[in-house]
PDB file of all heavy atoms in Angstrom:
ATOM      1  N   SER A   1     -47.669-165.067 -79.023  1.00  0.00           N
ATOM      2  CA  SER A   1     -47.316-166.461 -78.746  1.00  0.00           C
ATOM      3  C   SER A   1     -48.239-167.048 -77.688  1.00  0.00           C
ATOM      4  O   SER A   1     -48.616-168.227 -77.760  1.00  0.00           O
ATOM      5  CB  SER A   1     -45.855-166.556 -78.308  1.00  0.00           C
ATOM      6  OG  SER A   1     -44.982-166.181 -79.362  1.00  0.00           O
ATOM      7  N   ASN A   2     -48.624-166.237 -76.701  1.00  0.00           N
ATOM      8  CA  ASN A   2     -49.583-166.705 -75.705  1.00  0.00           C
ATOM      9  C   ASN A   2     -50.918-167.053 -76.361  1.00  0.00           C
ATOM     10  O   ASN A   2     -51.558-168.044 -76.001  1.00  0.00           O
ATOM     11  CB  ASN A   2     -49.794-165.634 -74.635  1.00  0.00           C
ATOM     12  CG  ASN A   2     -48.617-165.511 -73.692  1.00  0.00           C
ATOM     13  OD1 ASN A   2     -47.836-166.446 -73.517  1.00  0.00           O
ATOM     14  ND2 ASN A   2     -48.465-164.348 -73.085  1.00  0.00           N
ATOM     15  N   CYS A   3     -51.340-166.247 -77.329  1.00  0.00           N
ATOM     16  CA  CYS A   3     -52.576-166.559 -78.056  1.00  0.00           C
ATOM     17  C   CYS A   3     -52.452-167.889 -78.788  1.00  0.00           C
ATOM     18  O   CYS A   3     -53.367-168.722 -78.755  1.00  0.00           O
ATOM     19  CB  CYS A   3     -52.896-165.451 -79.058  1.00  0.00           C
ATOM     20  SG  CYS A   3     -53.424-163.887 -78.316  1.00  0.00           S
ATOM     21  N   GLN A   4     -51.321-168.090 -79.450  1.00  0.00           N
ATOM     22  CA  GLN A   4     -51.119-169.324 -80.203  1.00  0.00           C
ATOM     23  C   GLN A   4     -51.191-170.541 -79.297  1.00  0.00           C
ATOM     24  O   GLN A   4     -51.902-171.513 -79.591  1.00  0.00           O
ATOM     25  CB  GLN A   4     -49.773-169.281 -80.918  1.00  0.00           C
ATOM     26  CG  GLN A   4     -49.460-170.548 -81.709  1.00  0.00           C
ATOM     27  CD  GLN A   4     -48.078-170.516 -82.323  1.00  0.00           C
ATOM     28  OE1 GLN A   4     -47.237-169.718 -81.945  1.00  0.00           O
ATOM     29  NE2 GLN A   4     -47.834-171.400 -83.283  1.00  0.00           N
ATOM     30  N   HIS A   5     -50.473-170.510 -78.181  1.00  0.00           N
ATOM     31  CA  HIS A   5     -50.450-171.665 -77.290  1.00  0.00           C
ATOM     32  C   HIS A   5     -51.755-171.834 -76.518  1.00  0.00           C
ATOM     33  O   HIS A   5     -52.056-172.932 -76.049  1.00  0.00           O
ATOM     34  CB  HIS A   5     -49.273-171.548 -76.329  1.00  0.00           C
ATOM     35  CG  HIS A   5     -47.935-171.645 -77.007  1.00  0.00           C
ATOM     36  ND1 HIS A   5     -47.523-172.776 -77.658  1.00  0.00           N
ATOM     37  CD2 HIS A   5     -46.938-170.738 -77.159  1.00  0.00           C
ATOM     38  CE1 HIS A   5     -46.319-172.583 -78.183  1.00  0.00           C
ATOM     39  NE2 HIS A   5     -45.944-171.353 -77.888  1.00  0.00           N
ATOM     40  N   SER A   6     -52.520-170.747 -76.379  1.00  0.00           N
ATOM     41  CA  SER A   6     -53.824-170.826 -75.722  1.00  0.00           C
ATOM     42  C   SER A   6     -54.919-171.252 -76.692  1.00  0.00           C
ATOM     43  O   SER A   6     -56.084-171.350 -76.298  1.00  0.00           O
ATOM     44  CB  SER A   6     -54.185-169.464 -75.117  1.00  0.00           C
ATOM     45  OG  SER A   6     -53.205-169.013 -74.212  1.00  0.00           O
ATOM     46  N   HIS A   7     -54.546-171.476 -77.962  1.00  0.00           N
ATOM     47  CA  HIS A   7     -55.491-171.885 -79.013  1.00  0.00           C
ATOM     48  C   HIS A   7     -56.602-170.853 -79.189  1.00  0.00           C
ATOM     49  O   HIS A   7     -57.788-171.196 -79.325  1.00  0.00           O
ATOM     50  CB  HIS A   7     -56.070-173.269 -78.694  1.00  0.00           C
ATOM     51  CG  HIS A   7     -55.024-174.322 -78.502  1.00  0.00           C
ATOM     52  ND1 HIS A   7     -54.239-174.805 -79.528  1.00  0.00           N
ATOM     53  CD2 HIS A   7     -54.589-174.962 -77.375  1.00  0.00           C
ATOM     54  CE1 HIS A   7     -53.388-175.700 -79.062  1.00  0.00           C
ATOM     55  NE2 HIS A   7     -53.574-175.820 -77.762  1.00  0.00           N
ATOM     56  N   LEU A   8     -56.198-169.581 -79.192  1.00  0.00           N
ATOM     57  CA  LEU A   8     -57.117-168.482 -79.456  1.00  0.00           C
ATOM     58  C   LEU A   8     -56.706-167.865 -80.788  1.00  0.00           C
ATOM     59  O   LEU A   8     -55.643-167.243 -80.896  1.00  0.00           O
ATOM     60  CB  LEU A   8     -57.057-167.446 -78.327  1.00  0.00           C
ATOM     61  CG  LEU A   8     -57.433-167.966 -76.935  1.00  0.00           C
ATOM     62  CD1 LEU A   8     -57.273-166.869 -75.897  1.00  0.00           C
ATOM     63  CD2 LEU A   8     -58.856-168.527 -76.918  1.00  0.00           C
ATOM     64  N   ALA A   9     -57.545-168.039 -81.793  1.00  0.00           N
ATOM     65  CA  ALA A   9     -57.136-167.699 -83.157  1.00  0.00           C
ATOM     66  C   ALA A   9     -57.762-166.413 -83.688  1.00  0.00           C
ATOM     67  O   ALA A   9     -57.462-166.010 -84.812  1.00  0.00           O
ATOM     68  CB  ALA A   9     -57.489-168.853 -84.100  1.00  0.00           C
ATOM     69  N   ASP A  10     -58.620-165.757 -82.903  1.00  0.00           N
ATOM     70  CA  ASP A  10     -59.214-164.491 -83.334  1.00  0.00           C
ATOM     71  C   ASP A  10     -58.541-163.366 -82.552  1.00  0.00           C
ATOM     72  O   ASP A  10     -58.859-163.140 -81.367  1.00  0.00           O
ATOM     73  CB  ASP A  10     -60.725-164.492 -83.099  1.00  0.00           C
ATOM     74  CG  ASP A  10     -61.431-165.479 -84.013  1.00  0.00           C
ATOM     75  OD1 ASP A  10     -61.390-165.272 -85.241  1.00  0.00           O
ATOM     76  OD2 ASP A  10     -62.005-166.461 -83.498  1.00  0.00           O
ATOM     77  N   VAL A  11     -57.605-162.706 -83.203  1.00  0.00           N
ATOM     78  CA  VAL A  11     -56.758-161.725 -82.521  1.00  0.00           C
ATOM     79  C   VAL A  11     -56.769-160.425 -83.307  1.00  0.00           C
ATOM     80  O   VAL A  11     -56.431-160.403 -84.502  1.00  0.00           O
ATOM     81  CB  VAL A  11     -55.305-162.243 -82.389  1.00  0.00           C
ATOM     82  CG1 VAL A  11     -54.448-161.219 -81.662  1.00  0.00           C
ATOM     83  CG2 VAL A  11     -55.279-163.591 -81.670  1.00  0.00           C
ATOM     84  N   TRP A  12     -57.165-159.348 -82.656  1.00  0.00           N
ATOM     85  CA  TRP A  12     -57.129-158.013 -83.251  1.00  0.00           C
ATOM     86  C   TRP A  12     -56.021-157.206 -82.587  1.00  0.00           C
ATOM     87  O   TRP A  12     -55.882-157.229 -81.356  1.00  0.00           O
ATOM     88  CB  TRP A  12     -58.461-157.295 -83.051  1.00  0.00           C
ATOM     89  CG  TRP A  12     -59.632-157.948 -83.741  1.00  0.00           C
ATOM     90  CD1 TRP A  12     -59.606-159.047 -84.552  1.00  0.00           C
ATOM     91  CD2 TRP A  12     -60.997-157.544 -83.652  1.00  0.00           C
ATOM     92  NE1 TRP A  12     -60.861-159.345 -84.993  1.00  0.00           N
ATOM     93  CE2 TRP A  12     -61.750-158.441 -84.460  1.00  0.00           C
ATOM     94  CE3 TRP A  12     -61.658-156.526 -83.000  1.00  0.00           C
ATOM     95  CZ2 TRP A  12     -63.125-158.338 -84.603  1.00  0.00           C
ATOM     96  CZ3 TRP A  12     -63.035-156.402 -83.135  1.00  0.00           C
ATOM     97  CH2 TRP A  12     -63.768-157.305 -83.935  1.00  0.00           C
ATOM     98  N   VAL A  13     -55.247-156.493 -83.378  1.00  0.00           N
ATOM     99  CA  VAL A  13     -54.157-155.673 -82.864  1.00  0.00           C
ATOM    100  C   VAL A  13     -54.446-154.220 -83.200  1.00  0.00           C
ATOM    101  O   VAL A  13     -54.530-153.846 -84.375  1.00  0.00           O
ATOM    102  CB  VAL A  13     -52.797-156.095 -83.462  1.00  0.00           C
ATOM    103  CG1 VAL A  13     -51.674-155.192 -82.939  1.00  0.00           C
ATOM    104  CG2 VAL A  13     -52.494-157.555 -83.117  1.00  0.00           C
ATOM    105  N   SER A  14     -54.612-153.411 -82.177  1.00  0.00           N
ATOM    106  CA  SER A  14     -54.864-151.986 -82.353  1.00  0.00           C
ATOM    107  C   SER A  14     -53.536-151.241 -82.407  1.00  0.00           C
ATOM    108  O   SER A  14     -52.743-151.303 -81.466  1.00  0.00           O
ATOM    109  CB  SER A  14     -55.717-151.459 -81.192  1.00  0.00           C
ATOM    110  OG  SER A  14     -55.776-150.055 -81.207  1.00  0.00           O
ATOM    111  N   VAL A  15     -53.269-150.559 -83.522  1.00  0.00           N
ATOM    112  CA  VAL A  15     -52.005-149.833 -83.689  1.00  0.00           C
ATOM    113  C   VAL A  15     -52.305-148.361 -83.928  1.00  0.00           C
ATOM    114  O   VAL A  15     -53.374-147.991 -84.407  1.00  0.00           O
ATOM    115  CB  VAL A  15     -51.178-150.395 -84.857  1.00  0.00           C
ATOM    116  CG1 VAL A  15     -50.840-151.846 -84.631  1.00  0.00           C
ATOM    117  CG2 VAL A  15     -51.903-150.221 -86.181  1.00  0.00           C
ATOM    118  N   GLN A  16     -51.333-147.506 -83.592  1.00  0.00           N
ATOM    119  CA  GLN A  16     -51.534-146.076 -83.787  1.00  0.00           C
ATOM    120  C   GLN A  16     -50.229-145.384 -84.160  1.00  0.00           C
ATOM    121  O   GLN A  16     -50.133-144.759 -85.211  1.00  0.00           O
ATOM    122  CB  GLN A  16     -52.138-145.457 -82.531  1.00  0.00           C
ATOM    123  CG  GLN A  16     -52.466-143.982 -82.657  1.00  0.00           C
ATOM    124  CD  GLN A  16     -53.514-143.534 -81.663  1.00  0.00           C
ATOM    125  OE1 GLN A  16     -54.701-143.686 -81.875  1.00  0.00           O
ATOM    126  NE2 GLN A  16     -53.050-142.969 -80.557  1.00  0.00           N
ATOM    127  N   PHE A  17     -49.222-145.471 -83.326  1.00  0.00           N
ATOM    128  CA  PHE A  17     -47.962-144.793 -83.577  1.00  0.00           C
ATOM    129  C   PHE A  17     -47.017-145.682 -84.388  1.00  0.00           C
ATOM    130  O   PHE A  17     -46.863-146.866 -84.093  1.00  0.00           O
ATOM    131  CB  PHE A  17     -47.292-144.408 -82.253  1.00  0.00           C
ATOM    132  CG  PHE A  17     -48.041-143.353 -81.489  1.00  0.00           C
ATOM    133  CD1 PHE A  17     -49.006-143.698 -80.567  1.00  0.00           C
ATOM    134  CD2 PHE A  17     -47.788-142.011 -81.714  1.00  0.00           C
ATOM    135  CE1 PHE A  17     -49.706-142.733 -79.861  1.00  0.00           C
ATOM    136  CE2 PHE A  17     -48.481-141.035 -81.021  1.00  0.00           C
ATOM    137  CZ  PHE A  17     -49.445-141.387 -80.091  1.00  0.00           C
ATOM    138  N   HIS A  18     -46.391-145.118 -85.402  1.00  0.00           N
ATOM    139  CA  HIS A  18     -45.434-145.834 -86.250  1.00  0.00           C
ATOM    140  C   HIS A  18     -45.983-147.201 -86.674  1.00  0.00           C
ATOM    141  O   HIS A  18     -45.345-148.241 -86.441  1.00  0.00           O
ATOM    142  CB  HIS A  18     -44.102-146.020 -85.516  1.00  0.00           C
ATOM    143  CG  HIS A  18     -43.519-144.750 -84.998  1.00  0.00           C
ATOM    144  ND1 HIS A  18     -43.146-143.717 -85.827  1.00  0.00           N
ATOM    145  CD2 HIS A  18     -43.243-144.337 -83.740  1.00  0.00           C
ATOM    146  CE1 HIS A  18     -42.654-142.724 -85.098  1.00  0.00           C
ATOM    147  NE2 HIS A  18     -42.716-143.073 -83.834  1.00  0.00           N
ATOM    148  N   PRO A  19     -47.153-147.252 -87.289  1.00  0.00           N
ATOM    149  CA  PRO A  19     -47.769-148.553 -87.588  1.00  0.00           C
ATOM    150  C   PRO A  19     -46.970-149.405 -88.559  1.00  0.00           C
ATOM    151  O   PRO A  19     -47.050-150.631 -88.509  1.00  0.00           O
ATOM    152  CB  PRO A  19     -49.130-148.166 -88.181  1.00  0.00           C
ATOM    153  CG  PRO A  19     -48.952-146.778 -88.699  1.00  0.00           C
ATOM    154  CD  PRO A  19     -47.990-146.124 -87.753  1.00  0.00           C
ATOM    155  N   THR A  20     -46.192-148.771 -89.443  1.00  0.00           N
ATOM    156  CA  THR A  20     -45.444-149.565 -90.421  1.00  0.00           C
ATOM    157  C   THR A  20     -44.441-150.479 -89.741  1.00  0.00           C
ATOM    158  O   THR A  20     -44.258-151.642 -90.128  1.00  0.00           O
ATOM    159  CB  THR A  20     -44.722-148.644 -91.419  1.00  0.00           C
ATOM    160  OG1 THR A  20     -45.696-147.815 -92.070  1.00  0.00           O
ATOM    161  CG2 THR A  20     -43.980-149.456 -92.469  1.00  0.00           C
ATOM    162  N   SER A  21     -43.771-149.963 -88.691  1.00  0.00           N
ATOM    163  CA  SER A  21     -42.764-150.776 -88.000  1.00  0.00           C
ATOM    164  C   SER A  21     -43.369-152.044 -87.433  1.00  0.00           C
ATOM    165  O   SER A  21     -42.720-153.093 -87.397  1.00  0.00           O
ATOM    166  CB  SER A  21     -42.113-149.956 -86.877  1.00  0.00           C
ATOM    167  OG  SER A  21     -43.058-149.616 -85.873  1.00  0.00           O
ATOM    168  N   LEU A  22     -44.626-151.963 -87.002  1.00  0.00           N
ATOM    169  CA  LEU A  22     -45.288-153.133 -86.423  1.00  0.00           C
ATOM    170  C   LEU A  22     -45.886-154.025 -87.508  1.00  0.00           C
ATOM    171  O   LEU A  22     -45.779-155.249 -87.448  1.00  0.00           O
ATOM    172  CB  LEU A  22     -46.379-152.681 -85.455  1.00  0.00           C
ATOM    173  CG  LEU A  22     -47.036-153.776 -84.624  1.00  0.00           C
ATOM    174  CD1 LEU A  22     -46.000-154.537 -83.807  1.00  0.00           C
ATOM    175  CD2 LEU A  22     -48.093-153.186 -83.708  1.00  0.00           C
ATOM    176  N   SER A  23     -46.486-153.411 -88.523  1.00  0.00           N
ATOM    177  CA  SER A  23     -47.122-154.205 -89.582  1.00  0.00           C
ATOM    178  C   SER A  23     -46.102-155.073 -90.317  1.00  0.00           C
ATOM    179  O   SER A  23     -46.393-156.220 -90.669  1.00  0.00           O
ATOM    180  CB  SER A  23     -47.835-153.281 -90.572  1.00  0.00           C
ATOM    181  OG  SER A  23     -48.902-152.605 -89.937  1.00  0.00           O
ATOM    182  N   LEU A  24     -44.903-154.540 -90.551  1.00  0.00           N
ATOM    183  CA  LEU A  24     -43.865-155.330 -91.202  1.00  0.00           C
ATOM    184  C   LEU A  24     -43.526-156.572 -90.395  1.00  0.00           C
ATOM    185  O   LEU A  24     -43.293-157.649 -90.931  1.00  0.00           O
ATOM    186  CB  LEU A  24     -42.610-154.475 -91.408  1.00  0.00           C
ATOM    187  CG  LEU A  24     -42.704-153.378 -92.477  1.00  0.00           C
ATOM    188  CD1 LEU A  24     -41.456-152.510 -92.432  1.00  0.00           C
ATOM    189  CD2 LEU A  24     -42.892-153.979 -93.859  1.00  0.00           C
ATOM    190  N   HIS A  25     -43.516-156.418 -89.074  1.00  0.00           N
ATOM    191  CA  HIS A  25     -43.171-157.552 -88.213  1.00  0.00           C
ATOM    192  C   HIS A  25     -44.306-158.566 -88.140  1.00  0.00           C
ATOM    193  O   HIS A  25     -44.059-159.777 -88.091  1.00  0.00           O
ATOM    194  CB  HIS A  25     -42.823-157.060 -86.811  1.00  0.00           C
ATOM    195  CG  HIS A  25     -42.480-158.159 -85.866  1.00  0.00           C
ATOM    196  ND1 HIS A  25     -41.309-158.883 -85.950  1.00  0.00           N
ATOM    197  CD2 HIS A  25     -43.164-158.699 -84.822  1.00  0.00           C
ATOM    198  CE1 HIS A  25     -41.276-159.800 -84.995  1.00  0.00           C
ATOM    199  NE2 HIS A  25     -42.395-159.709 -84.299  1.00  0.00           N
ATOM    200  N   LEU A  26     -45.542-158.097 -88.150  1.00  0.00           N
ATOM    201  CA  LEU A  26     -46.671-159.011 -87.961  1.00  0.00           C
ATOM    202  C   LEU A  26     -46.815-160.012 -89.104  1.00  0.00           C
ATOM    203  O   LEU A  26     -47.285-161.134 -88.877  1.00  0.00           O
ATOM    204  CB  LEU A  26     -47.965-158.203 -87.801  1.00  0.00           C
ATOM    205  CG  LEU A  26     -48.077-157.400 -86.504  1.00  0.00           C
ATOM    206  CD1 LEU A  26     -49.349-156.564 -86.497  1.00  0.00           C
ATOM    207  CD2 LEU A  26     -48.035-158.309 -85.283  1.00  0.00           C
ATOM    208  N   ALA A  27     -46.444-159.621 -90.312  1.00  0.00           N
ATOM    209  CA  ALA A  27     -46.408-160.569 -91.439  1.00  0.00           C
ATOM    210  C   ALA A  27     -47.695-161.376 -91.567  1.00  0.00           C
ATOM    211  O   ALA A  27     -47.671-162.594 -91.745  1.00  0.00           O
ATOM    212  CB  ALA A  27     -45.206-161.517 -91.282  1.00  0.00           C
ATOM    213  N   ASN A  28     -48.835-160.680 -91.452  1.00  0.00           N
ATOM    214  CA  ASN A  28     -50.155-161.327 -91.585  1.00  0.00           C
ATOM    215  C   ASN A  28     -50.408-162.410 -90.540  1.00  0.00           C
ATOM    216  O   ASN A  28     -51.303-163.235 -90.696  1.00  0.00           O
ATOM    217  CB  ASN A  28     -50.334-161.920 -92.989  1.00  0.00           C
ATOM    218  CG  ASN A  28     -50.308-160.853 -94.067  1.00  0.00           C
ATOM    219  OD1 ASN A  28     -50.850-159.772 -93.871  1.00  0.00           O
ATOM    220  ND2 ASN A  28     -49.662-161.144 -95.175  1.00  0.00           N
ATOM    221  N   GLY A  29     -49.611-162.428 -89.487  1.00  0.00           N
ATOM    222  CA  GLY A  29     -49.835-163.387 -88.407  1.00  0.00           C
ATOM    223  C   GLY A  29     -49.214-164.745 -88.611  1.00  0.00           C
ATOM    224  O   GLY A  29     -49.394-165.650 -87.785  1.00  0.00           O
ATOM    225  N   ARG A  30     -48.459-164.927 -89.681  1.00  0.00           N
ATOM    226  CA  ARG A  30     -47.938-166.259 -90.005  1.00  0.00           C
ATOM    227  C   ARG A  30     -47.074-166.875 -88.901  1.00  0.00           C
ATOM    228  O   ARG A  30     -47.226-168.063 -88.603  1.00  0.00           O
ATOM    229  CB  ARG A  30     -47.165-166.215 -91.320  1.00  0.00           C
ATOM    230  CG  ARG A  30     -46.598-167.576 -91.740  1.00  0.00           C
ATOM    231  CD  ARG A  30     -46.033-167.528 -93.139  1.00  0.00           C
ATOM    232  NE  ARG A  30     -47.074-167.192 -94.107  1.00  0.00           N
ATOM    233  CZ  ARG A  30     -46.833-166.974 -95.392  1.00  0.00           C
ATOM    234  NH1 ARG A  30     -45.603-167.046 -95.864  1.00  0.00           N
ATOM    235  NH2 ARG A  30     -47.832-166.685 -96.214  1.00  0.00           N
ATOM    236  N   PRO A  31     -46.154-166.128 -88.270  1.00  0.00           N
ATOM    237  CA  PRO A  31     -45.293-166.779 -87.264  1.00  0.00           C
ATOM    238  C   PRO A  31     -46.067-167.382 -86.092  1.00  0.00           C
ATOM    239  O   PRO A  31     -45.553-168.266 -85.406  1.00  0.00           O
ATOM    240  CB  PRO A  31     -44.382-165.637 -86.796  1.00  0.00           C
ATOM    241  CG  PRO A  31     -44.375-164.660 -87.925  1.00  0.00           C
ATOM    242  CD  PRO A  31     -45.758-164.721 -88.487  1.00  0.00           C
ATOM    243  N   TRP A  32     -47.307-166.901 -85.863  1.00  0.00           N
ATOM    244  CA  TRP A  32     -48.105-167.383 -84.724  1.00  0.00           C
ATOM    245  C   TRP A  32     -49.320-168.185 -85.191  1.00  0.00           C
ATOM    246  O   TRP A  32     -50.281-168.350 -84.445  1.00  0.00           O
ATOM    247  CB  TRP A  32     -48.547-166.177 -83.884  1.00  0.00           C
ATOM    248  CG  TRP A  32     -47.377-165.311 -83.539  1.00  0.00           C
ATOM    249  CD1 TRP A  32     -46.497-165.475 -82.503  1.00  0.00           C
ATOM    250  CD2 TRP A  32     -46.920-164.174 -84.283  1.00  0.00           C
ATOM    251  NE1 TRP A  32     -45.530-164.504 -82.552  1.00  0.00           N
ATOM    252  CE2 TRP A  32     -45.752-163.693 -83.626  1.00  0.00           C
ATOM    253  CE3 TRP A  32     -47.375-163.517 -85.423  1.00  0.00           C
ATOM    254  CZ2 TRP A  32     -45.041-162.580 -84.092  1.00  0.00           C
ATOM    255  CZ3 TRP A  32     -46.669-162.420 -85.887  1.00  0.00           C
ATOM    256  CH2 TRP A  32     -45.529-161.957 -85.225  1.00  0.00           C
TER     257      TRP A  32
END
């Protein structure tokens, strides 16, 4: 949300442990 309000649209998320739990939530970035 900080990225969205800061108008920064190039965001990489590094995941490692239990990646499915996070990927399901990220939803391709649509909420942000």
